[in-house]
Amino acid sequence: QLLRDLKEHGVTLIMITHKLREIMQIADSVTVIRDGKSIITLDAHKGEVSENVLIKHMVGREIDNIYPPRAHKRSEDIVLTVRDWDVYDPAVERKILKKNTITLKRGEIVGLSGLMGAGRTELALSIFGNPEGYKIEGEMEVNGNTERFGHPEEAIKSGIAYVSEDRKRNGLILIQDVRENTTLANLRALASRGVIDSNAEIKVANDYKKSMNIKTPTIQQKVSYLSGGNQQKVSLAKWLFVSPNILILDEPTRGIDVGAKFEIYTLMNQLVEQGMSILMISSELPEVLGMSDRVYVMSAGEITGELPFEECNQEVIMHLATRN
């Protein structure tokens, strides 16, 4: 409404966004940019702007469903159990997670939904080696073994990887290139007596560049110059290189275009088909509904509900997310 009011007062506005509904509600004209080039300019007043048209020009092809179809499996092989999980944060001097219990089964995507501040990222970090130094009570089992990690390195060795929600601050080293960022989490696999095999590192980075369709002129390109979607692919590649069997994705498609989203969703489906288990934290309800086999909902530091995909809809999730 503020933008509309400014327009009425003669202000010209340029809005840059990936949110298609936002564009359709407010824009008079829309220019689509892909791979550094202007693709098309559409006039909203002539009825040229629709979600399907925008997606087509953003991706370069028709996409019928942004969430690629996948059969929902009913695995009973539990790879991660977190039970009665209490987390106290000394920085704010209060308990931020209370008696949470979740399970993750082999070959499934479990969505973790909730409002901002519900405790989803804090839960992920407390599982992934507790880098924030929380005080934790409760039990955790990974592949049937009781665990309590004191450092992310221990979590990585147990087959857990965590892709941060903030790729620029915590996921990547922006002044380094694609090659260095891709291999960063598993340099031991490339080193002998403390010396990195640069040829092996180049091969690994090029393999991920190809398999994940990372659009960069060369793996020597600094990641700061890549688009958000390609930065996210590099961040994913970094953690896939450690060969995890449990992957925690925190807001995996935040701030990236619809084409890159589709590629990441397709990759997620491929990973679970290969037996990996994914815990996906997302604030986008369509993403949670479109990709999850099961959904946990959090509110004010507590799990308020667990839903199989058949019972999931936006109204139920929002009811659980606002319960406390």
Protein backbone atom coordinates (compact mmCIF):
# COMPACT_ATOMS: atom_id res chain seq x y z
CA GLN A 1 0.00 0.00 0.00
CA LEU A 2 2.90 2.35 0.76
CA LEU A 3 4.29 1.76 -2.75
CA ARG A 4 0.88 2.45 -4.26
CA ASP A 5 0.60 5.68 -2.27
CA LEU A 6 4.05 6.80 -3.46
CA LYS A 7 3.01 6.06 -7.05
CA GLU A 8 -0.10 8.25 -6.60
CA HIS A 9 2.21 11.08 -5.50
CA GLY A 10 4.25 10.82 -8.70
CA VAL A 11 7.14 8.70 -7.43
CA THR A 12 8.60 6.22 -9.94
CA LEU A 13 9.46 2.89 -8.34
CA ILE A 14 11.79 0.09 -9.41
CA MET A 15 11.15 -3.08 -7.40
CA ILE A 16 13.56 -6.04 -7.57
CA THR A 17 12.02 -9.26 -6.24
CA HIS A 18 11.71 -12.99 -6.79
CA LYS A 19 8.16 -13.05 -5.38
CA LEU A 20 5.89 -13.46 -8.37
CA ARG A 21 2.59 -12.69 -6.65
CA GLU A 22 4.07 -9.48 -5.32
CA ILE A 23 5.03 -8.47 -8.87
CA MET A 24 1.57 -9.23 -10.26
CA GLN A 25 -0.17 -7.26 -7.53
CA ILE A 26 1.78 -4.04 -7.90
CA ALA A 27 3.83 -3.75 -11.11
CA ASP A 28 2.72 -1.77 -14.17
CA SER A 29 5.45 -3.33 -16.28
CA VAL A 30 7.86 -6.19 -15.65
CA THR A 31 11.32 -6.82 -17.08
CA VAL A 32 12.69 -10.35 -16.69
CA ILE A 33 16.48 -10.69 -16.40
CA ARG A 34 18.21 -14.07 -16.82
CA ASP A 35 21.95 -14.78 -16.78
CA GLY A 36 22.78 -11.07 -16.92
CA LYS A 37 20.57 -10.31 -19.92
CA SER A 38 17.20 -8.59 -20.27
CA ILE A 39 14.88 -11.25 -21.69
CA ILE A 40 11.53 -9.49 -22.09
CA THR A 41 9.48 -6.53 -20.87
CA LEU A 42 5.77 -7.15 -20.23
CA ASP A 43 2.91 -4.67 -19.86
CA ALA A 44 0.64 -5.58 -16.95
CA HIS A 45 -2.15 -3.34 -18.24
CA LYS A 46 -2.34 -5.38 -21.44
CA GLY A 47 -2.73 -8.64 -19.51
CA GLU A 48 0.76 -9.86 -20.44
CA VAL A 49 1.85 -10.64 -16.87
CA SER A 50 0.99 -13.99 -15.26
CA GLU A 51 2.83 -16.40 -13.00
CA ASN A 52 3.28 -18.98 -15.78
CA VAL A 53 4.59 -16.38 -18.24
CA LEU A 54 7.09 -15.01 -15.70
CA ILE A 55 8.33 -18.51 -14.82
CA LYS A 56 8.73 -19.40 -18.49
CA HIS A 57 10.95 -16.38 -19.18
CA MET A 58 12.88 -16.64 -15.90
CA VAL A 59 13.74 -20.29 -16.52
CA GLY A 60 13.88 -20.28 -20.30
CA ARG A 61 11.36 -23.10 -20.66
CA GLU A 62 7.91 -24.14 -19.51
CA ILE A 63 7.61 -25.57 -15.98
CA ASP A 64 4.23 -27.09 -15.21
CA ASN A 65 4.96 -27.63 -11.52
CA ILE A 66 7.74 -25.90 -9.62
CA TYR A 67 7.76 -28.82 -7.15
CA PRO A 68 8.92 -31.89 -9.13
CA PRO A 69 6.80 -34.96 -8.39
CA ARG A 70 8.14 -37.69 -6.13
CA ALA A 71 6.63 -40.80 -4.62
CA HIS A 72 6.24 -40.45 -0.84
CA LYS A 73 7.97 -43.42 0.78
CA ARG A 74 7.03 -45.04 4.09
CA SER A 75 10.44 -45.92 5.49
CA GLU A 76 10.68 -47.26 9.04
CA ASP A 77 14.48 -47.00 9.20
CA ILE A 78 15.09 -44.17 11.69
CA VAL A 79 18.43 -42.41 11.20
CA LEU A 80 18.01 -39.54 13.68
CA THR A 81 16.09 -39.27 16.93
CA VAL A 82 16.09 -36.21 19.16
CA ARG A 83 14.17 -36.81 22.38
CA ASP A 84 13.10 -34.46 25.21
CA TRP A 85 15.44 -31.81 23.81
CA ASP A 86 15.84 -28.76 26.09
CA VAL A 87 18.13 -25.92 25.00
CA TYR A 88 19.20 -22.99 27.19
CA ASP A 89 20.91 -20.01 25.58
CA PRO A 90 23.30 -18.24 28.00
CA ALA A 91 23.42 -15.20 25.70
CA VAL A 92 19.77 -14.38 26.36
CA GLU A 93 19.61 -16.19 29.73
CA ARG A 94 16.53 -18.24 28.92
CA LYS A 95 15.41 -21.61 27.63
CA ILE A 96 14.82 -21.36 23.88
CA LEU A 97 13.74 -24.97 23.17
CA LYS A 98 11.53 -27.07 25.43
CA LYS A 99 11.12 -30.86 25.47
CA ASN A 100 11.20 -31.32 21.71
CA THR A 101 11.14 -34.77 20.13
CA ILE A 102 11.63 -35.42 16.41
CA THR A 103 12.61 -38.36 14.22
CA LEU A 104 14.07 -38.51 10.73
CA LYS A 105 13.79 -41.65 8.60
CA ARG A 106 15.96 -42.85 5.76
CA GLY A 107 15.09 -41.46 2.34
CA GLU A 108 12.54 -38.87 3.43
CA ILE A 109 12.20 -35.10 3.48
CA VAL A 110 10.87 -33.77 6.77
CA GLY A 111 9.73 -30.16 6.77
CA LEU A 112 10.23 -28.00 9.86
CA SER A 113 7.78 -25.11 9.74
CA GLY A 114 6.96 -22.20 12.01
CA LEU A 115 7.09 -18.45 12.31
CA MET A 116 10.30 -16.42 12.57
CA GLY A 117 11.73 -16.85 16.07
CA ALA A 118 9.99 -20.18 16.69
CA GLY A 119 13.35 -21.90 17.33
CA ARG A 120 13.84 -23.85 14.10
CA THR A 121 17.41 -22.71 13.38
CA GLU A 122 18.33 -23.06 17.04
CA LEU A 123 17.14 -26.67 16.95
CA ALA A 124 19.24 -27.34 13.84
CA LEU A 125 22.36 -25.78 15.33
CA SER A 126 21.95 -27.64 18.62
CA ILE A 127 21.89 -30.90 16.66
CA PHE A 128 24.78 -29.92 14.40
CA GLY A 129 27.55 -29.78 16.99
CA ASN A 130 26.18 -26.86 19.01
CA PRO A 131 28.46 -24.09 17.60
CA GLU A 132 26.56 -21.44 19.60
CA GLY A 133 27.49 -23.00 22.96
CA TYR A 134 23.95 -23.73 24.16
CA LYS A 135 23.33 -25.75 27.32
CA ILE A 136 21.51 -28.88 26.17
CA GLU A 137 19.54 -31.57 27.94
CA GLY A 138 17.96 -34.56 26.24
CA GLU A 139 18.92 -37.57 24.14
CA MET A 140 20.06 -37.89 20.54
CA GLU A 141 20.60 -41.03 18.48
CA VAL A 142 22.26 -41.04 15.06
CA ASN A 143 22.00 -44.28 13.10
CA GLY A 144 21.21 -46.12 16.32
CA ASN A 145 24.14 -44.70 18.29
CA THR A 146 23.70 -42.35 21.24
CA GLU A 147 25.48 -39.09 20.48
CA ARG A 148 26.16 -35.69 22.06
CA PHE A 149 28.27 -33.49 19.83
CA GLY A 150 30.52 -30.82 21.29
CA HIS A 151 31.64 -29.43 17.93
CA PRO A 152 30.33 -29.43 14.34
CA GLU A 153 33.33 -31.55 13.32
CA GLU A 154 31.93 -34.41 15.41
CA ALA A 155 28.53 -34.07 13.72
CA ILE A 156 30.17 -34.14 10.28
CA LYS A 157 32.07 -37.32 11.18
CA SER A 158 28.74 -38.90 12.16
CA GLY A 159 27.27 -38.10 8.74
CA ILE A 160 25.36 -34.87 9.45
CA ALA A 161 25.69 -31.72 7.33
CA TYR A 162 24.03 -28.32 7.81
CA VAL A 163 23.44 -25.75 5.04
CA SER A 164 23.04 -22.37 6.74
CA GLU A 165 20.13 -20.02 6.06
CA ASP A 166 22.65 -17.17 5.65
CA ARG A 167 24.93 -18.27 2.82
CA LYS A 168 26.78 -14.93 2.65
CA ARG A 169 27.72 -14.81 6.32
CA ASN A 170 27.90 -18.46 7.41
CA GLY A 171 27.71 -20.62 4.30
CA LEU A 172 30.46 -19.28 2.04
CA ILE A 173 33.70 -17.33 2.08
CA LEU A 174 32.82 -14.68 -0.47
CA ILE A 175 36.39 -13.54 -1.24
CA GLN A 176 37.37 -17.10 -2.16
CA ASP A 177 36.57 -18.82 -5.41
CA VAL A 178 34.16 -21.61 -6.32
CA ARG A 179 36.89 -24.25 -6.09
CA GLU A 180 37.96 -23.30 -2.55
CA ASN A 181 34.40 -23.03 -1.25
CA THR A 182 33.34 -26.36 -2.77
CA THR A 183 36.05 -28.35 -0.97
CA LEU A 184 36.16 -26.31 2.24
CA ALA A 185 34.31 -28.72 4.53
CA ASN A 186 36.32 -31.81 3.59
CA LEU A 187 39.90 -30.77 2.88
CA ARG A 188 41.23 -33.88 4.60
CA ALA A 189 39.91 -35.95 1.70
CA LEU A 190 42.22 -33.99 -0.62
CA ALA A 191 45.30 -33.67 1.59
CA SER A 192 48.36 -35.79 2.17
CA ARG A 193 50.62 -34.87 5.10
CA GLY A 194 48.91 -31.53 5.36
CA VAL A 195 49.32 -30.59 1.69
CA ILE A 196 46.23 -30.24 -0.51
CA ASP A 197 46.32 -32.00 -3.86
CA SER A 198 45.33 -29.06 -6.08
CA ASN A 199 44.64 -31.27 -9.11
CA ALA A 200 42.20 -33.40 -7.10
CA GLU A 201 40.58 -30.23 -5.74
CA ILE A 202 40.09 -28.86 -9.27
CA LYS A 203 38.52 -32.15 -10.39
CA VAL A 204 36.09 -32.21 -7.44
CA ALA A 205 35.04 -28.59 -8.02
CA ASN A 206 34.56 -29.13 -11.76
CA ASP A 207 32.52 -32.30 -11.13
CA TYR A 208 30.14 -30.41 -8.83
CA LYS A 209 30.00 -27.45 -11.22
CA LYS A 210 28.81 -29.82 -13.93
CA SER A 211 26.51 -32.07 -11.90
CA MET A 212 24.79 -29.17 -10.11
CA ASN A 213 24.72 -26.85 -13.12
CA ILE A 214 26.58 -24.06 -11.30
CA LYS A 215 26.65 -21.18 -13.76
CA THR A 216 30.11 -19.67 -13.49
CA PRO A 217 32.68 -18.93 -16.20
CA THR A 218 35.29 -20.91 -14.26
CA ILE A 219 35.77 -22.48 -10.83
CA GLN A 220 38.35 -19.71 -10.20
CA GLN A 221 35.49 -17.17 -10.11
CA LYS A 222 34.96 -15.60 -6.66
CA VAL A 223 31.59 -16.67 -5.27
CA SER A 224 30.74 -13.05 -4.43
CA TYR A 225 30.18 -12.50 -8.17
CA LEU A 226 27.70 -15.36 -8.56
CA SER A 227 23.91 -15.00 -8.45
CA GLY A 228 22.10 -16.00 -5.27
CA GLY A 229 20.95 -19.28 -6.80
CA ASN A 230 24.46 -20.26 -7.89
CA GLN A 231 25.90 -19.26 -4.52
CA GLN A 232 23.36 -21.58 -2.91
CA LYS A 233 24.40 -24.42 -5.23
CA VAL A 234 28.04 -23.92 -4.19
CA SER A 235 27.00 -23.97 -0.53
CA LEU A 236 25.14 -27.24 -1.15
CA ALA A 237 28.07 -28.71 -3.07
CA LYS A 238 30.38 -27.92 -0.15
CA TRP A 239 28.31 -30.08 2.18
CA LEU A 240 27.57 -32.83 -0.30
CA PHE A 241 31.34 -33.28 -0.65
CA VAL A 242 31.46 -34.57 2.95
CA SER A 243 29.10 -37.42 1.85
CA PRO A 244 26.49 -37.00 4.62
CA ASN A 245 23.54 -39.31 5.14
CA ILE A 246 21.61 -36.61 7.04
CA LEU A 247 21.32 -33.15 5.46
CA ILE A 248 19.81 -30.19 7.32
CA LEU A 249 18.71 -27.47 4.89
CA ASP A 250 17.91 -24.15 6.54
CA GLU A 251 15.81 -22.00 4.15
CA PRO A 252 17.33 -23.74 1.09
CA THR A 253 15.73 -21.44 -1.51
CA ARG A 254 15.70 -18.07 0.25
CA GLY A 255 16.41 -15.20 -2.14
CA ILE A 256 16.85 -17.25 -5.31
CA ASP A 257 14.88 -17.27 -8.54
CA VAL A 258 12.28 -19.82 -9.54
CA GLY A 259 14.59 -21.61 -11.98
CA ALA A 260 17.26 -22.22 -9.33
CA LYS A 261 14.53 -23.30 -6.90
CA PHE A 262 13.34 -25.96 -9.33
CA GLU A 263 16.91 -27.25 -9.74
CA ILE A 264 17.45 -27.44 -5.98
CA TYR A 265 14.12 -29.24 -5.48
CA THR A 266 15.08 -31.72 -8.19
CA LEU A 267 18.44 -32.29 -6.48
CA MET A 268 16.71 -32.86 -3.13
CA ASN A 269 14.49 -35.51 -4.72
CA GLN A 270 17.53 -37.21 -6.23
CA LEU A 271 19.34 -37.24 -2.88
CA VAL A 272 16.47 -38.88 -0.99
CA GLU A 273 16.06 -41.42 -3.81
CA GLN A 274 19.68 -42.36 -3.10
CA GLY A 275 18.88 -42.89 0.59
CA MET A 276 19.80 -39.53 2.11
CA SER A 277 17.51 -38.02 4.74
CA ILE A 278 16.71 -34.30 4.68
CA LEU A 279 15.43 -32.01 7.42
CA MET A 280 14.20 -28.89 5.61
CA ILE A 281 13.56 -25.68 7.54
CA SER A 282 11.40 -23.32 5.52
CA SER A 283 9.27 -20.22 6.05
CA GLU A 284 7.53 -20.73 2.69
CA LEU A 285 4.38 -22.78 3.24
CA PRO A 286 4.02 -23.80 -0.44
CA GLU A 287 7.59 -25.15 -0.28
CA VAL A 288 6.86 -27.11 2.90
CA LEU A 289 3.68 -28.55 1.38
CA GLY A 290 5.26 -29.24 -2.00
CA MET A 291 8.41 -31.04 -0.81
CA SER A 292 7.77 -32.72 2.55
CA ASP A 293 6.91 -36.33 3.41
CA ARG A 294 6.18 -35.26 6.99
CA VAL A 295 6.03 -31.87 8.67
CA TYR A 296 6.86 -30.77 12.21
CA VAL A 297 5.51 -27.37 13.26
CA MET A 298 7.21 -25.24 15.93
CA SER A 299 5.91 -22.37 18.00
CA ALA A 300 7.78 -20.50 20.74
CA GLY A 301 10.45 -23.16 21.07
CA GLU A 302 8.15 -26.19 21.11
CA ILE A 303 7.02 -28.78 18.59
CA THR A 304 3.27 -28.22 18.43
CA GLY A 305 2.39 -30.83 15.83
CA GLU A 306 3.56 -33.57 13.48
CA LEU A 307 1.68 -34.06 10.20
CA PRO A 308 1.96 -36.64 7.40
CA PHE A 309 1.86 -35.04 3.95
CA GLU A 310 -1.77 -36.18 3.42
CA GLU A 311 -2.93 -34.04 6.35
CA CYS A 312 -0.90 -30.94 5.54
CA ASN A 313 -2.45 -27.69 4.42
CA GLN A 314 -1.65 -24.06 5.09
CA GLU A 315 -4.50 -23.55 7.56
CA VAL A 316 -3.48 -26.49 9.79
CA ILE A 317 0.19 -25.48 9.77
CA MET A 318 -0.58 -21.84 10.62
CA HIS A 319 -2.89 -22.94 13.43
CA LEU A 320 -0.09 -25.02 14.95
CA ALA A 321 2.50 -22.28 14.31
CA THR A 322 0.51 -19.77 16.35
CA ARG A 323 -0.63 -22.08 19.13
CA ASN A 324 1.65 -20.75 21.90
